[in-house]
Amino acid sequence: MLRKLFQLNHLHLIWLAPLFLNGATSDAIAQITAPPELTRPGDRPTSPLPSTPPPLPSPSELLKPSPQRTLPSEVLPNVSGTITVEKFEIVGSTVFSPEELEKITNPFTQRPITFTELLQVRTAITQLYIDRGFITSGAFVPLQTIEAGIVKIQVLEGGLEAIEVTGTQRLNPDYVRSRLEIATGKPLNRERLIEALQLLQLDPLIANISAELSAGTKPGQN
């Protein structure tokens, strides 16, 4: 799993004045633009309209580049020349349907393939996860004896080992952690994590937030 370091800097409370879209607001705007001599006695001074909130940080600012995925060491089967794979057995995938995975594996079945092509299947499955935002997941070829032309490929869907929150000062770290845990279930998805960070950035208690994924103590964990 990935360990996240959330940096919250310069925390402060932000008071937002309500903006009423009714006749009273229209009168106030008129008073701002009217010449001084037309201002009626007793009119209340107008307050400036709230400024446009600053844009949210970009995804790259919210989430630092991910470390290289840590997968178990592969003990690759002893393949010399070519082999004919009747079927690839994908183990451990909960994200993709068998039909989606077969689109990757089928072109490499029912024909002789080289050892390099065998590894291409594993790499293509890993890339499928990355393309869908599952940046800590991947596939590898486990130790096995190939029988009846069936090759097993193991998928390791990564998650978070811990969420470490720093720089909160008076803000309880559990406040931040609880809002991130919902969006960081296994397997970890980059888009869901960024969306959770963006929602936290909108919180008036938080002035700035950024996250960094670091390698965990076990393969597939951060």
Protein backbone atom coordinates (compact mmCIF):
# COMPACT_ATOMS: atom_id res chain seq x y z
CA MET A 1 0.00 0.00 0.00
CA LEU A 2 1.04 3.61 -0.27
CA ARG A 3 1.83 5.87 2.60
CA LYS A 4 0.51 9.38 2.06
CA LEU A 5 1.98 12.50 3.55
CA PHE A 6 -0.57 15.28 3.56
CA GLN A 7 0.83 18.75 4.08
CA LEU A 8 -1.64 21.27 5.40
CA ASN A 9 -0.11 24.73 5.71
CA HIS A 10 -1.36 28.00 7.22
CA LEU A 11 -4.67 26.67 8.44
CA HIS A 12 -7.17 29.36 9.23
CA LEU A 13 -10.88 30.00 9.36
CA ILE A 14 -12.42 31.75 6.40
CA TRP A 15 -15.65 33.67 6.81
CA LEU A 16 -17.74 34.00 3.69
CA ALA A 17 -20.40 36.69 3.53
CA PRO A 18 -23.67 35.43 2.03
CA LEU A 19 -24.63 36.74 -1.38
CA PHE A 20 -28.37 37.31 -1.74
CA LEU A 21 -29.73 37.40 -5.26
CA ASN A 22 -32.82 39.48 -4.56
CA GLY A 23 -34.02 43.05 -4.75
CA ALA A 24 -31.89 44.17 -1.84
CA THR A 25 -28.75 43.20 -3.65
CA SER A 26 -29.86 44.98 -6.80
CA ASP A 27 -30.43 48.16 -4.79
CA ALA A 28 -26.98 47.89 -3.34
CA ILE A 29 -25.42 47.63 -6.78
CA ALA A 30 -27.37 50.65 -7.91
CA GLN A 31 -26.08 52.66 -4.97
CA ILE A 32 -22.52 51.81 -5.91
CA THR A 33 -22.92 53.12 -9.42
CA ALA A 34 -25.14 56.13 -8.62
CA PRO A 35 -23.59 59.64 -8.44
CA PRO A 36 -23.11 60.89 -4.86
CA GLU A 37 -25.75 63.59 -5.21
CA LEU A 38 -28.41 61.00 -6.06
CA THR A 39 -27.76 58.88 -3.01
CA ARG A 40 -30.71 59.03 -0.66
CA PRO A 41 -30.15 59.87 3.00
CA GLY A 42 -30.24 56.86 5.24
CA ASP A 43 -29.05 54.44 2.56
CA ARG A 44 -26.75 51.83 4.02
CA PRO A 45 -23.21 51.68 2.62
CA THR A 46 -22.66 48.75 0.38
CA SER A 47 -20.07 46.06 0.91
CA PRO A 48 -17.89 44.86 -1.94
CA LEU A 49 -19.05 41.69 -3.60
CA PRO A 50 -17.10 38.56 -2.67
CA SER A 51 -14.16 37.97 -4.94
CA THR A 52 -14.05 34.93 -7.18
CA PRO A 53 -12.53 32.01 -5.25
CA PRO A 54 -9.07 31.01 -6.46
CA PRO A 55 -8.94 28.02 -8.80
CA LEU A 56 -8.21 24.62 -7.33
CA PRO A 57 -4.63 23.38 -7.58
CA SER A 58 -3.88 21.15 -10.53
CA PRO A 59 -3.87 17.38 -9.97
CA SER A 60 -0.07 17.37 -10.21
CA GLU A 61 0.10 19.94 -7.40
CA LEU A 62 -2.30 17.99 -5.19
CA LEU A 63 -0.72 14.58 -5.76
CA LYS A 64 3.01 14.25 -6.24
CA PRO A 65 4.33 11.71 -8.77
CA SER A 66 3.87 8.15 -7.60
CA PRO A 67 6.82 5.93 -6.78
CA GLN A 68 7.59 2.89 -8.84
CA ARG A 69 5.21 0.03 -8.09
CA THR A 70 6.60 -2.68 -5.86
CA LEU A 71 5.55 -6.14 -7.01
CA PRO A 72 6.82 -9.52 -5.82
CA SER A 73 9.95 -10.74 -7.54
CA GLU A 74 9.12 -12.86 -10.54
CA VAL A 75 10.50 -16.37 -10.80
CA LEU A 76 9.81 -16.82 -14.47
CA PRO A 77 9.11 -20.21 -16.00
CA ASN A 78 11.92 -21.83 -17.92
CA VAL A 79 10.79 -21.21 -21.48
CA SER A 80 13.08 -21.95 -24.37
CA GLY A 81 12.05 -21.25 -27.93
CA THR A 82 8.28 -20.89 -28.10
CA ILE A 83 5.28 -22.27 -26.26
CA THR A 84 1.65 -22.56 -27.23
CA VAL A 85 -0.61 -21.07 -24.58
CA GLU A 86 -4.12 -22.44 -24.61
CA LYS A 87 -5.35 -20.04 -21.97
CA PHE A 88 -4.15 -17.34 -19.57
CA GLU A 89 -5.56 -17.60 -16.06
CA ILE A 90 -5.71 -14.13 -14.47
CA VAL A 91 -5.82 -14.32 -10.68
CA GLY A 92 -6.57 -11.47 -8.27
CA SER A 93 -8.34 -8.99 -10.56
CA THR A 94 -11.50 -7.47 -9.09
CA VAL A 95 -11.64 -4.39 -11.31
CA PHE A 96 -11.89 -5.82 -14.81
CA SER A 97 -14.24 -8.44 -16.19
CA PRO A 98 -12.94 -11.64 -17.82
CA GLU A 99 -14.05 -10.23 -21.17
CA GLU A 100 -11.91 -7.11 -20.72
CA LEU A 101 -8.88 -9.17 -19.81
CA GLU A 102 -9.44 -11.61 -22.67
CA LYS A 103 -9.12 -8.73 -25.12
CA ILE A 104 -5.49 -8.55 -23.97
CA THR A 105 -4.74 -12.24 -23.62
CA ASN A 106 -6.59 -13.76 -26.59
CA PRO A 107 -4.15 -12.48 -29.26
CA PHE A 108 -1.42 -14.49 -27.48
CA THR A 109 -3.30 -17.80 -27.25
CA GLN A 110 -3.77 -20.72 -29.62
CA ARG A 111 -0.45 -20.01 -31.32
CA PRO A 112 3.25 -20.32 -30.55
CA ILE A 113 4.57 -17.32 -28.60
CA THR A 114 8.04 -16.38 -27.45
CA PHE A 115 9.13 -15.71 -23.90
CA THR A 116 9.16 -12.00 -24.69
CA GLU A 117 5.55 -12.14 -25.84
CA LEU A 118 4.61 -13.91 -22.63
CA LEU A 119 5.97 -10.98 -20.66
CA GLN A 120 4.11 -8.57 -22.94
CA VAL A 121 0.83 -10.00 -21.67
CA ARG A 122 1.80 -9.24 -18.08
CA THR A 123 2.91 -5.74 -19.02
CA ALA A 124 -0.28 -5.04 -20.97
CA ILE A 125 -2.44 -5.98 -17.98
CA THR A 126 -0.42 -3.68 -15.74
CA GLN A 127 -0.81 -0.87 -18.28
CA LEU A 128 -4.58 -1.41 -18.34
CA TYR A 129 -4.69 -0.75 -14.60
CA ILE A 130 -2.51 2.34 -14.91
CA ASP A 131 -4.59 3.76 -17.76
CA ARG A 132 -7.72 3.46 -15.60
CA GLY A 133 -6.07 5.30 -12.71
CA PHE A 134 -5.07 2.30 -10.58
CA ILE A 135 -1.52 3.53 -10.26
CA THR A 136 -0.40 1.16 -7.50
CA SER A 137 -1.66 -2.07 -9.09
CA GLY A 138 0.10 -4.40 -11.47
CA ALA A 139 0.53 -7.94 -12.78
CA PHE A 140 3.37 -10.42 -12.56
CA VAL A 141 4.11 -14.01 -13.54
CA PRO A 142 4.31 -16.18 -10.39
CA LEU A 143 6.37 -19.32 -9.99
CA GLN A 144 4.50 -22.14 -11.70
CA THR A 145 4.66 -25.25 -13.78
CA ILE A 146 2.89 -24.79 -17.09
CA GLU A 147 0.47 -27.64 -17.62
CA ALA A 148 -2.07 -28.17 -20.40
CA GLY A 149 -0.96 -24.89 -21.94
CA ILE A 150 -2.42 -22.78 -19.09
CA VAL A 151 -0.28 -19.87 -17.86
CA LYS A 152 -1.20 -18.09 -14.64
CA ILE A 153 -0.74 -14.32 -14.28
CA GLN A 154 -1.17 -12.84 -10.81
CA VAL A 155 -2.64 -9.36 -10.33
CA LEU A 156 -1.76 -7.39 -7.21
CA GLU A 157 -4.25 -4.59 -6.60
CA GLY A 158 -2.52 -1.98 -4.48
CA GLY A 159 -3.92 -0.05 -1.56
CA LEU A 160 -2.84 2.16 1.31
CA GLU A 161 -0.97 0.88 4.31
CA ALA A 162 -1.32 4.12 6.24
CA ILE A 163 -2.32 7.76 5.89
CA GLU A 164 0.08 10.12 7.65
CA VAL A 165 -1.10 13.70 8.14
CA THR A 166 1.41 16.44 8.97
CA GLY A 167 1.29 20.20 9.40
CA THR A 168 -2.22 20.34 10.83
CA GLN A 169 -1.25 22.42 13.86
CA ARG A 170 -4.54 22.74 15.78
CA LEU A 171 -6.59 20.70 13.31
CA ASN A 172 -7.16 17.10 14.37
CA PRO A 173 -5.41 14.83 11.83
CA ASP A 174 -8.33 12.40 12.11
CA TYR A 175 -10.52 15.07 10.53
CA VAL A 176 -8.44 14.85 7.35
CA ARG A 177 -7.81 11.13 7.56
CA SER A 178 -11.49 10.23 7.86
CA ARG A 179 -12.35 12.18 4.71
CA LEU A 180 -9.63 10.46 2.72
CA GLU A 181 -10.22 6.90 3.86
CA ILE A 182 -13.57 6.78 2.08
CA ALA A 183 -11.92 7.58 -1.26
CA THR A 184 -8.80 5.47 -0.82
CA GLY A 185 -10.22 1.98 -0.57
CA LYS A 186 -8.48 -0.90 -2.27
CA PRO A 187 -7.60 -0.82 -5.09
CA LEU A 188 -6.34 2.74 -4.89
CA ASN A 189 -7.50 4.94 -7.76
CA ARG A 190 -5.73 8.18 -8.64
CA GLU A 191 -8.83 10.03 -9.82
CA ARG A 192 -10.80 9.22 -6.67
CA LEU A 193 -7.89 10.33 -4.52
CA ILE A 194 -7.51 13.63 -6.37
CA GLU A 195 -11.25 14.28 -6.08
CA ALA A 196 -11.04 13.74 -2.32
CA LEU A 197 -8.07 16.12 -2.10
CA GLN A 198 -9.95 18.75 -4.10
CA LEU A 199 -12.91 18.52 -1.74
CA LEU A 200 -10.58 18.98 1.21
CA GLN A 201 -8.97 21.97 -0.49
CA LEU A 202 -12.41 23.61 -0.56
CA ASP A 203 -12.77 23.15 3.20
CA PRO A 204 -12.43 26.58 4.88
CA LEU A 205 -10.39 24.97 7.65
CA ILE A 206 -7.63 24.05 5.21
CA ALA A 207 -5.57 26.64 3.37
CA ASN A 208 -3.38 24.25 1.39
CA ILE A 209 -3.07 20.51 0.98
CA SER A 210 -0.82 18.21 -1.01
CA ALA A 211 -0.19 14.49 -0.94
CA GLU A 212 2.71 12.22 -1.67
CA LEU A 213 2.65 8.47 -2.10
CA SER A 214 5.61 6.54 -0.76
CA ALA A 215 6.37 2.84 -0.87
CA GLY A 216 4.88 0.74 1.90
CA THR A 217 6.40 -2.15 3.79
CA LYS A 218 4.76 -4.79 1.59
CA PRO A 219 4.40 -5.17 -2.19
CA GLY A 220 1.34 -3.36 -3.51
CA GLN A 221 1.10 -1.11 -0.45
CA ASN A 222 1.86 2.58 -0.02
